[in-house]
Amino acid sequence: FSSRANPIIDPSIPIAVLINKSSASASEIVAGALQDLDRAVV
């Protein structure tokens, strides 16, 4: 799956994703993908 649209917010805006031991499934996918793409810190 690849991104099909231009981002809504500027790609230079830093992102942090907050997770805890109860973050699972799709939450882990979002956090992991953003981290792997160097788009966010978890």
PDB file of all heavy atoms in Angstrom:
ATOM      1  N   PHE A   1       0.859  -1.182   0.000  1.00  0.00           N
ATOM      2  CA  PHE A   1       0.000   0.000   0.000  1.00  0.00           C
ATOM      3  C   PHE A   1       0.893   1.229   0.000  1.00  0.00           C
ATOM      4  O   PHE A   1       1.792   1.350   0.828  1.00  0.00           O
ATOM      5  CB  PHE A   1      -0.900   0.016   1.246  1.00  0.00           C
ATOM      6  CG  PHE A   1      -1.823  -1.168   1.328  1.00  0.00           C
ATOM      7  CD1 PHE A   1      -1.438  -2.323   1.997  1.00  0.00           C
ATOM      8  CD2 PHE A   1      -3.074  -1.126   0.741  1.00  0.00           C
ATOM      9  CE1 PHE A   1      -2.285  -3.414   2.080  1.00  0.00           C
ATOM     10  CE2 PHE A   1      -3.933  -2.213   0.813  1.00  0.00           C
ATOM     11  CZ  PHE A   1      -3.528  -3.362   1.484  1.00  0.00           C
ATOM     12  N   SER A   2       0.625   2.130  -0.922  1.00  0.00           N
ATOM     13  CA  SER A   2       1.382   3.377  -1.015  1.00  0.00           C
ATOM     14  C   SER A   2       0.442   4.547  -0.823  1.00  0.00           C
ATOM     15  O   SER A   2      -0.755   4.451  -1.089  1.00  0.00           O
ATOM     16  CB  SER A   2       2.055   3.487  -2.383  1.00  0.00           C
ATOM     17  OG  SER A   2       3.006   2.471  -2.539  1.00  0.00           O
ATOM     18  N   SER A   3       1.013   5.655  -0.380  1.00  0.00           N
ATOM     19  CA  SER A   3       0.225   6.860  -0.192  1.00  0.00           C
ATOM     20  C   SER A   3      -0.271   7.356  -1.548  1.00  0.00           C
ATOM     21  O   SER A   3       0.493   7.454  -2.497  1.00  0.00           O
ATOM     22  CB  SER A   3       1.078   7.933   0.492  1.00  0.00           C
ATOM     23  OG  SER A   3       0.324   9.084   0.683  1.00  0.00           O
ATOM     24  N   ARG A   4      -1.559   7.679  -1.629  1.00  0.00           N
ATOM     25  CA  ARG A   4      -2.156   8.086  -2.901  1.00  0.00           C
ATOM     26  C   ARG A   4      -2.421   9.578  -3.001  1.00  0.00           C
ATOM     27  O   ARG A   4      -2.807  10.077  -4.042  1.00  0.00           O
ATOM     28  CB  ARG A   4      -3.476   7.340  -3.101  1.00  0.00           C
ATOM     29  CG  ARG A   4      -3.304   5.826  -3.182  1.00  0.00           C
ATOM     30  CD  ARG A   4      -4.617   5.143  -3.106  1.00  0.00           C
ATOM     31  NE  ARG A   4      -5.239   5.541  -1.840  1.00  0.00           N
ATOM     32  CZ  ARG A   4      -6.411   5.167  -1.415  1.00  0.00           C
ATOM     33  NH1 ARG A   4      -7.143   4.385  -2.131  1.00  0.00           N
ATOM     34  NH2 ARG A   4      -6.893   5.553  -0.262  1.00  0.00           N
ATOM     35  N   ALA A   5      -2.249  10.296  -1.892  1.00  0.00           N
ATOM     36  CA  ALA A   5      -2.581  11.728  -1.893  1.00  0.00           C
ATOM     37  C   ALA A   5      -1.407  12.538  -1.344  1.00  0.00           C
ATOM     38  O   ALA A   5      -0.515  11.993  -0.711  1.00  0.00           O
ATOM     39  CB  ALA A   5      -3.817  11.973  -1.038  1.00  0.00           C
ATOM     40  N   ASN A   6      -1.447  13.816  -1.610  1.00  0.00           N
ATOM     41  CA  ASN A   6      -0.465  14.707  -1.009  1.00  0.00           C
ATOM     42  C   ASN A   6      -0.838  14.908   0.455  1.00  0.00           C
ATOM     43  O   ASN A   6      -2.021  14.933   0.800  1.00  0.00           O
ATOM     44  CB  ASN A   6      -0.446  16.053  -1.739  1.00  0.00           C
ATOM     45  CG  ASN A   6       0.138  15.923  -3.126  1.00  0.00           C
ATOM     46  OD1 ASN A   6       1.111  15.208  -3.330  1.00  0.00           O
ATOM     47  ND2 ASN A   6      -0.455  16.606  -4.078  1.00  0.00           N
ATOM     48  N   PRO A   7       0.164  15.047   1.330  1.00  0.00           N
ATOM     49  CA  PRO A   7      -0.146  15.216   2.752  1.00  0.00           C
ATOM     50  C   PRO A   7      -0.898  16.517   3.020  1.00  0.00           C
ATOM     51  O   PRO A   7      -0.701  17.512   2.333  1.00  0.00           O
ATOM     52  CB  PRO A   7       1.229  15.220   3.422  1.00  0.00           C
ATOM     53  CG  PRO A   7       2.208  15.511   2.348  1.00  0.00           C
ATOM     54  CD  PRO A   7       1.594  15.075   1.054  1.00  0.00           C
ATOM     55  N   ILE A   8      -1.762  16.484   4.010  1.00  0.00           N
ATOM     56  CA  ILE A   8      -2.540  17.666   4.384  1.00  0.00           C
ATOM     57  C   ILE A   8      -1.648  18.680   5.092  1.00  0.00           C
ATOM     58  O   ILE A   8      -1.739  19.872   4.845  1.00  0.00           O
ATOM     59  CB  ILE A   8      -3.745  17.270   5.267  1.00  0.00           C
ATOM     60  CG1 ILE A   8      -4.746  16.475   4.424  1.00  0.00           C
ATOM     61  CG2 ILE A   8      -4.413  18.490   5.887  1.00  0.00           C
ATOM     62  CD1 ILE A   8      -5.899  15.888   5.192  1.00  0.00           C
ATOM     63  N   ILE A   9      -0.789  18.189   5.981  1.00  0.00           N
ATOM     64  CA  ILE A   9       0.116  19.106   6.684  1.00  0.00           C
ATOM     65  C   ILE A   9       1.494  19.033   6.037  1.00  0.00           C
ATOM     66  O   ILE A   9       1.871  18.031   5.446  1.00  0.00           O
ATOM     67  CB  ILE A   9       0.209  18.802   8.193  1.00  0.00           C
ATOM     68  CG1 ILE A   9       0.740  17.394   8.445  1.00  0.00           C
ATOM     69  CG2 ILE A   9      -1.120  19.028   8.877  1.00  0.00           C
ATOM     70  CD1 ILE A   9       1.101  17.120   9.885  1.00  0.00           C
ATOM     71  N   ASP A  10       2.229  20.099   6.152  1.00  0.00           N
ATOM     72  CA  ASP A  10       3.561  20.216   5.568  1.00  0.00           C
ATOM     73  C   ASP A  10       4.462  19.082   6.060  1.00  0.00           C
ATOM     74  O   ASP A  10       4.519  18.824   7.266  1.00  0.00           O
ATOM     75  CB  ASP A  10       4.158  21.576   5.944  1.00  0.00           C
ATOM     76  CG  ASP A  10       5.421  21.871   5.183  1.00  0.00           C
ATOM     77  OD1 ASP A  10       6.402  21.120   5.342  1.00  0.00           O
ATOM     78  OD2 ASP A  10       5.430  22.870   4.438  1.00  0.00           O
ATOM     79  N   PRO A  11       5.173  18.401   5.155  1.00  0.00           N
ATOM     80  CA  PRO A  11       6.049  17.299   5.550  1.00  0.00           C
ATOM     81  C   PRO A  11       7.194  17.709   6.483  1.00  0.00           C
ATOM     82  O   PRO A  11       7.815  16.858   7.112  1.00  0.00           O
ATOM     83  CB  PRO A  11       6.614  16.790   4.225  1.00  0.00           C
ATOM     84  CG  PRO A  11       5.661  17.259   3.193  1.00  0.00           C
ATOM     85  CD  PRO A  11       5.079  18.540   3.706  1.00  0.00           C
ATOM     86  N   SER A  12       7.462  18.997   6.595  1.00  0.00           N
ATOM     87  CA  SER A  12       8.534  19.451   7.493  1.00  0.00           C
ATOM     88  C   SER A  12       8.062  19.575   8.944  1.00  0.00           C
ATOM     89  O   SER A  12       8.880  19.749   9.849  1.00  0.00           O
ATOM     90  CB  SER A  12       9.088  20.798   7.014  1.00  0.00           C
ATOM     91  OG  SER A  12       8.110  21.803   7.153  1.00  0.00           O
ATOM     92  N   ILE A  13       6.755  19.482   9.185  1.00  0.00           N
ATOM     93  CA  ILE A  13       6.221  19.578  10.551  1.00  0.00           C
ATOM     94  C   ILE A  13       6.534  18.284  11.297  1.00  0.00           C
ATOM     95  O   ILE A  13       6.151  17.203  10.852  1.00  0.00           O
ATOM     96  CB  ILE A  13       4.703  19.858  10.539  1.00  0.00           C
ATOM     97  CG1 ILE A  13       4.443  21.260   9.984  1.00  0.00           C
ATOM     98  CG2 ILE A  13       4.095  19.691  11.924  1.00  0.00           C
ATOM     99  CD1 ILE A  13       2.992  21.595   9.801  1.00  0.00           C
ATOM    100  N   PRO A  14       7.242  18.389  12.429  1.00  0.00           N
ATOM    101  CA  PRO A  14       7.587  17.173  13.182  1.00  0.00           C
ATOM    102  C   PRO A  14       6.349  16.551  13.827  1.00  0.00           C
ATOM    103  O   PRO A  14       5.422  17.253  14.229  1.00  0.00           O
ATOM    104  CB  PRO A  14       8.572  17.667  14.237  1.00  0.00           C
ATOM    105  CG  PRO A  14       8.353  19.127  14.339  1.00  0.00           C
ATOM    106  CD  PRO A  14       7.794  19.596  13.034  1.00  0.00           C
ATOM    107  N   ILE A  15       6.375  15.217  13.902  1.00  0.00           N
ATOM    108  CA  ILE A  15       5.262  14.472  14.486  1.00  0.00           C
ATOM    109  C   ILE A  15       5.792  13.563  15.587  1.00  0.00           C
ATOM    110  O   ILE A  15       6.837  12.924  15.432  1.00  0.00           O
ATOM    111  CB  ILE A  15       4.540  13.616  13.417  1.00  0.00           C
ATOM    112  CG1 ILE A  15       3.965  14.499  12.314  1.00  0.00           C
ATOM    113  CG2 ILE A  15       3.439  12.770  14.053  1.00  0.00           C
ATOM    114  CD1 ILE A  15       3.352  13.717  11.153  1.00  0.00           C
ATOM    115  N   ALA A  16       5.052  13.490  16.682  1.00  0.00           N
ATOM    116  CA  ALA A  16       5.318  12.533  17.756  1.00  0.00           C
ATOM    117  C   ALA A  16       4.063  11.685  17.924  1.00  0.00           C
ATOM    118  O   ALA A  16       2.943  12.198  17.880  1.00  0.00           O
ATOM    119  CB  ALA A  16       5.646  13.252  19.056  1.00  0.00           C
ATOM    120  N   VAL A  17       4.243  10.386  18.090  1.00  0.00           N
ATOM    121  CA  VAL A  17       3.123   9.473  18.290  1.00  0.00           C
ATOM    122  C   VAL A  17       3.251   8.887  19.693  1.00  0.00           C
ATOM    123  O   VAL A  17       4.295   8.339  20.053  1.00  0.00           O
ATOM    124  CB  VAL A  17       3.123   8.337  17.244  1.00  0.00           C
ATOM    125  CG1 VAL A  17       1.952   7.396  17.481  1.00  0.00           C
ATOM    126  CG2 VAL A  17       3.067   8.898  15.842  1.00  0.00           C
ATOM    127  N   LEU A  18       2.189   9.019  20.481  1.00  0.00           N
ATOM    128  CA  LEU A  18       2.178   8.488  21.841  1.00  0.00           C
ATOM    129  C   LEU A  18       1.512   7.121  21.848  1.00  0.00           C
ATOM    130  O   LEU A  18       0.412   6.959  21.314  1.00  0.00           O
ATOM    131  CB  LEU A  18       1.408   9.428  22.782  1.00  0.00           C
ATOM    132  CG  LEU A  18       1.850  10.888  22.836  1.00  0.00           C
ATOM    133  CD1 LEU A  18       0.960  11.663  23.803  1.00  0.00           C
ATOM    134  CD2 LEU A  18       3.306  11.006  23.223  1.00  0.00           C
ATOM    135  N   ILE A  19       2.192   6.135  22.458  1.00  0.00           N
ATOM    136  CA  ILE A  19       1.617   4.790  22.591  1.00  0.00           C
ATOM    137  C   ILE A  19       1.862   4.285  24.009  1.00  0.00           C
ATOM    138  O   ILE A  19       2.694   4.812  24.735  1.00  0.00           O
ATOM    139  CB  ILE A  19       2.205   3.784  21.567  1.00  0.00           C
ATOM    140  CG1 ILE A  19       3.702   3.588  21.784  1.00  0.00           C
ATOM    141  CG2 ILE A  19       1.905   4.217  20.142  1.00  0.00           C
ATOM    142  CD1 ILE A  19       4.278   2.403  21.022  1.00  0.00           C
ATOM    143  N   ASN A  20       1.132   3.245  24.372  1.00  0.00           N
ATOM    144  CA  ASN A  20       1.374   2.568  25.647  1.00  0.00           C
ATOM    145  C   ASN A  20       1.130   1.072  25.475  1.00  0.00           C
ATOM    146  O   ASN A  20       0.917   0.595  24.351  1.00  0.00           O
ATOM    147  CB  ASN A  20       0.534   3.175  26.778  1.00  0.00           C
ATOM    148  CG  ASN A  20      -0.961   3.006  26.600  1.00  0.00           C
ATOM    149  OD1 ASN A  20      -1.422   2.294  25.710  1.00  0.00           O
ATOM    150  ND2 ASN A  20      -1.739   3.671  27.440  1.00  0.00           N
ATOM    151  N   LYS A  21       1.141   0.347  26.576  1.00  0.00           N
ATOM    152  CA  LYS A  21       1.014  -1.115  26.493  1.00  0.00           C
ATOM    153  C   LYS A  21      -0.347  -1.571  25.978  1.00  0.00           C
ATOM    154  O   LYS A  21      -0.517  -2.733  25.614  1.00  0.00           O
ATOM    155  CB  LYS A  21       1.315  -1.744  27.849  1.00  0.00           C
ATOM    156  CG  LYS A  21       0.350  -1.337  28.940  1.00  0.00           C
ATOM    157  CD  LYS A  21       0.768  -1.899  30.278  1.00  0.00           C
ATOM    158  CE  LYS A  21      -0.221  -1.433  31.344  1.00  0.00           C
ATOM    159  NZ  LYS A  21       0.183  -1.874  32.656  1.00  0.00           N
ATOM    160  N   SER A  22      -1.321  -0.665  25.929  1.00  0.00           N
ATOM    161  CA  SER A  22      -2.645  -1.007  25.416  1.00  0.00           C
ATOM    162  C   SER A  22      -2.865  -0.524  23.983  1.00  0.00           C
ATOM    163  O   SER A  22      -3.973  -0.605  23.472  1.00  0.00           O
ATOM    164  CB  SER A  22      -3.721  -0.417  26.326  1.00  0.00           C
ATOM    165  OG  SER A  22      -3.625  -0.958  27.622  1.00  0.00           O
ATOM    166  N   SER A  23      -1.823  -0.016  23.338  1.00  0.00           N
ATOM    167  CA  SER A  23      -1.925   0.377  21.922  1.00  0.00           C
ATOM    168  C   SER A  23      -1.675  -0.884  21.099  1.00  0.00           C
ATOM    169  O   SER A  23      -0.654  -1.546  21.260  1.00  0.00           O
ATOM    170  CB  SER A  23      -0.868   1.434  21.573  1.00  0.00           C
ATOM    171  OG  SER A  23      -1.009   2.565  22.392  1.00  0.00           O
ATOM    172  N   ALA A  24      -2.607  -1.225  20.218  1.00  0.00           N
ATOM    173  CA  ALA A  24      -2.495  -2.484  19.487  1.00  0.00           C
ATOM    174  C   ALA A  24      -3.001  -2.343  18.059  1.00  0.00           C
ATOM    175  O   ALA A  24      -3.587  -1.329  17.684  1.00  0.00           O
ATOM    176  CB  ALA A  24      -3.303  -3.571  20.214  1.00  0.00           C
ATOM    177  N   SER A  25      -2.731  -3.372  17.266  1.00  0.00           N
ATOM    178  CA  SER A  25      -3.306  -3.523  15.939  1.00  0.00           C
ATOM    179  C   SER A  25      -3.038  -2.314  15.041  1.00  0.00           C
ATOM    180  O   SER A  25      -1.895  -1.999  14.747  1.00  0.00           O
ATOM    181  CB  SER A  25      -4.816  -3.817  16.102  1.00  0.00           C
ATOM    182  OG  SER A  25      -5.485  -3.938  14.893  1.00  0.00           O
ATOM    183  N   ALA A  26      -4.081  -1.641  14.593  1.00  0.00           N
ATOM    184  CA  ALA A  26      -3.931  -0.511  13.679  1.00  0.00           C
ATOM    185  C   ALA A  26      -3.113   0.624  14.310  1.00  0.00           C
ATOM    186  O   ALA A  26      -2.398   1.338  13.609  1.00  0.00           O
ATOM    187  CB  ALA A  26      -5.305   0.008  13.248  1.00  0.00           C
ATOM    188  N   SER A  27      -3.175   0.758  15.626  1.00  0.00           N
ATOM    189  CA  SER A  27      -2.360   1.773  16.314  1.00  0.00           C
ATOM    190  C   SER A  27      -0.881   1.475  16.119  1.00  0.00           C
ATOM    191  O   SER A  27      -0.073   2.381  15.886  1.00  0.00           O
ATOM    192  CB  SER A  27      -2.652   1.783  17.816  1.00  0.00           C
ATOM    193  OG  SER A  27      -3.949   2.195  18.065  1.00  0.00           O
ATOM    194  N   GLU A  28      -0.525   0.206  16.234  1.00  0.00           N
ATOM    195  CA  GLU A  28       0.873  -0.199  16.051  1.00  0.00           C
ATOM    196  C   GLU A  28       1.310  -0.012  14.606  1.00  0.00           C
ATOM    197  O   GLU A  28       2.457   0.376  14.341  1.00  0.00           O
ATOM    198  CB  GLU A  28       1.050  -1.660  16.468  1.00  0.00           C
ATOM    199  CG  GLU A  28       0.841  -1.875  17.947  1.00  0.00           C
ATOM    200  CD  GLU A  28       0.764  -3.335  18.344  1.00  0.00           C
ATOM    201  OE1 GLU A  28      -0.020  -4.084  17.723  1.00  0.00           O
ATOM    202  OE2 GLU A  28       1.474  -3.730  19.275  1.00  0.00           O
ATOM    203  N   ILE A  29       0.403  -0.229  13.683  1.00  0.00           N
ATOM    204  CA  ILE A  29       0.726  -0.046  12.264  1.00  0.00           C
ATOM    205  C   ILE A  29       1.003   1.422  11.976  1.00  0.00           C
ATOM    206  O   ILE A  29       1.990   1.760  11.327  1.00  0.00           O
ATOM    207  CB  ILE A  29      -0.407  -0.596  11.372  1.00  0.00           C
ATOM    208  CG1 ILE A  29      -0.391  -2.131  11.446  1.00  0.00           C
ATOM    209  CG2 ILE A  29      -0.268  -0.115   9.937  1.00  0.00           C
ATOM    210  CD1 ILE A  29      -1.605  -2.801  10.862  1.00  0.00           C
ATOM    211  N   VAL A  30       0.153   2.314  12.462  1.00  0.00           N
ATOM    212  CA  VAL A  30       0.354   3.747  12.240  1.00  0.00           C
ATOM    213  C   VAL A  30       1.665   4.199  12.876  1.00  0.00           C
ATOM    214  O   VAL A  30       2.501   4.839  12.231  1.00  0.00           O
ATOM    215  CB  VAL A  30      -0.836   4.576  12.778  1.00  0.00           C
ATOM    216  CG1 VAL A  30      -0.508   6.051  12.803  1.00  0.00           C
ATOM    217  CG2 VAL A  30      -2.080   4.324  11.926  1.00  0.00           C
ATOM    218  N   ALA A  31       1.870   3.841  14.143  1.00  0.00           N
ATOM    219  CA  ALA A  31       3.086   4.259  14.845  1.00  0.00           C
ATOM    220  C   ALA A  31       4.333   3.682  14.166  1.00  0.00           C
ATOM    221  O   ALA A  31       5.307   4.408  13.915  1.00  0.00           O
ATOM    222  CB  ALA A  31       3.024   3.812  16.306  1.00  0.00           C
ATOM    223  N   GLY A  32       4.293   2.399  13.839  1.00  0.00           N
ATOM    224  CA  GLY A  32       5.450   1.750  13.218  1.00  0.00           C
ATOM    225  C   GLY A  32       5.760   2.284  11.836  1.00  0.00           C
ATOM    226  O   GLY A  32       6.929   2.505  11.487  1.00  0.00           O
ATOM    227  N   ALA A  33       4.722   2.516  11.049  1.00  0.00           N
ATOM    228  CA  ALA A  33       4.936   3.038   9.687  1.00  0.00           C
ATOM    229  C   ALA A  33       5.529   4.434   9.741  1.00  0.00           C
ATOM    230  O   ALA A  33       6.483   4.742   9.012  1.00  0.00           O
ATOM    231  CB  ALA A  33       3.626   3.036   8.907  1.00  0.00           C
ATOM    232  N   LEU A  34       4.999   5.283  10.593  1.00  0.00           N
ATOM    233  CA  LEU A  34       5.525   6.651  10.696  1.00  0.00           C
ATOM    234  C   LEU A  34       6.970   6.648  11.197  1.00  0.00           C
ATOM    235  O   LEU A  34       7.796   7.437  10.747  1.00  0.00           O
ATOM    236  CB  LEU A  34       4.637   7.497  11.611  1.00  0.00           C
ATOM    237  CG  LEU A  34       3.266   7.849  11.036  1.00  0.00           C
ATOM    238  CD1 LEU A  34       2.394   8.538  12.089  1.00  0.00           C
ATOM    239  CD2 LEU A  34       3.389   8.711   9.796  1.00  0.00           C
ATOM    240  N   GLN A  35       7.272   5.736  12.105  1.00  0.00           N
ATOM    241  CA  GLN A  35       8.652   5.626  12.599  1.00  0.00           C
ATOM    242  C   GLN A  35       9.577   5.102  11.501  1.00  0.00           C
ATOM    243  O   GLN A  35      10.650   5.659  11.270  1.00  0.00           O
ATOM    244  CB  GLN A  35       8.701   4.703  13.814  1.00  0.00           C
ATOM    245  CG  GLN A  35      10.103   4.515  14.375  1.00  0.00           C
ATOM    246  CD  GLN A  35      10.096   3.663  15.621  1.00  0.00           C
ATOM    247  OE1 GLN A  35       9.381   3.961  16.565  1.00  0.00           O
ATOM    248  NE2 GLN A  35      10.887   2.616  15.623  1.00  0.00           N
ATOM    249  N   ASP A  36       9.163   4.045  10.807  1.00  0.00           N
ATOM    250  CA  ASP A  36       9.987   3.454   9.745  1.00  0.00           C
ATOM    251  C   ASP A  36      10.244   4.435   8.606  1.00  0.00           C
ATOM    252  O   ASP A  36      11.293   4.387   7.967  1.00  0.00           O
ATOM    253  CB  ASP A  36       9.337   2.181   9.196  1.00  0.00           C
ATOM    254  CG  ASP A  36       9.439   1.012  10.171  1.00  0.00           C
ATOM    255  OD1 ASP A  36      10.141   1.149  11.201  1.00  0.00           O
ATOM    256  OD2 ASP A  36       8.797  -0.012   9.911  1.00  0.00           O
ATOM    257  N   LEU A  37       9.279   5.303   8.348  1.00  0.00           N
ATOM    258  CA  LEU A  37       9.420   6.290   7.271  1.00  0.00           C
ATOM    259  C   LEU A  37      10.144   7.556   7.743  1.00  0.00           C
ATOM    260  O   LEU A  37      10.258   8.518   6.987  1.00  0.00           O
ATOM    261  CB  LEU A  37       8.035   6.664   6.720  1.00  0.00           C
ATOM    262  CG  LEU A  37       7.279   5.541   6.020  1.00  0.00           C
ATOM    263  CD1 LEU A  37       5.830   5.942   5.772  1.00  0.00           C
ATOM    264  CD2 LEU A  37       7.970   5.158   4.726  1.00  0.00           C
ATOM    265  N   ASP A  38      10.634   7.538   8.983  1.00  0.00           N
ATOM    266  CA  ASP A  38      11.278   8.712   9.585  1.00  0.00           C
ATOM    267  C   ASP A  38      10.365   9.939   9.541  1.00  0.00           C
ATOM    268  O   ASP A  38      10.822  11.067   9.402  1.00  0.00           O
ATOM    269  CB  ASP A  38      12.621   9.037   8.920  1.00  0.00           C
ATOM    270  CG  ASP A  38      13.698   8.053   9.311  1.00  0.00           C
ATOM    271  OD1 ASP A  38      13.637   7.529  10.446  1.00  0.00           O
ATOM    272  OD2 ASP A  38      14.593   7.794   8.493  1.00  0.00           O
ATOM    273  N   ARG A  39       9.070   9.702   9.655  1.00  0.00           N
ATOM    274  CA  ARG A  39       8.101  10.804   9.641  1.00  0.00           C
ATOM    275  C   ARG A  39       7.699  11.201  11.047  1.00  0.00           C
ATOM    276  O   ARG A  39       7.154  12.264  11.273  1.00  0.00           O
ATOM    277  CB  ARG A  39       6.877  10.387   8.806  1.00  0.00           C
ATOM    278  CG  ARG A  39       5.850  11.469   8.586  1.00  0.00           C
ATOM    279  CD  ARG A  39       6.441  12.652   7.811  1.00  0.00           C
ATOM    280  NE  ARG A  39       5.519  13.772   7.767  1.00  0.00           N
ATOM    281  CZ  ARG A  39       5.559  14.811   8.607  1.00  0.00           C
ATOM    282  NH1 ARG A  39       6.469  14.874   9.549  1.00  0.00           N
ATOM    283  NH2 ARG A  39       4.684  15.791   8.496  1.00  0.00           N
ATOM    284  N   ALA A  40       7.959  10.303  12.030  1.00  0.00           N
ATOM    285  CA  ALA A  40       7.568  10.595  13.405  1.00  0.00           C
ATOM    286  C   ALA A  40       8.468   9.857  14.390  1.00  0.00           C
ATOM    287  O   ALA A  40       9.105   8.859  14.030  1.00  0.00           O
ATOM    288  CB  ALA A  40       6.110  10.174  13.643  1.00  0.00           C
ATOM    289  N   VAL A  41       8.474  10.363  15.609  1.00  0.00           N
ATOM    290  CA  VAL A  41       9.107   9.632  16.705  1.00  0.00           C
ATOM    291  C   VAL A  41       7.975   9.014  17.526  1.00  0.00           C
ATOM    292  O   VAL A  41       6.893   9.601  17.662  1.00  0.00           O
ATOM    293  CB  VAL A  41       9.992  10.522  17.598  1.00  0.00           C
ATOM    294  CG1 VAL A  41      11.179  11.039  16.815  1.00  0.00           C
ATOM    295  CG2 VAL A  41       9.226  11.669  18.199  1.00  0.00           C
ATOM    296  N   VAL A  42       8.219   7.816  18.030  1.00  0.00           N
ATOM    297  CA  VAL A  42       7.238   7.123  18.843  1.00  0.00           C
ATOM    298  C   VAL A  42       7.689   7.230  20.299  1.00  0.00           C
ATOM    299  O   VAL A  42       8.844   6.927  20.626  1.00  0.00           O
ATOM    300  CB  VAL A  42       7.090   5.642  18.406  1.00  0.00           C
ATOM    301  CG1 VAL A  42       6.096   4.914  19.298  1.00  0.00           C
ATOM    302  CG2 VAL A  42       6.647   5.573  16.945  1.00  0.00           C
TER     303      VAL A  42
END
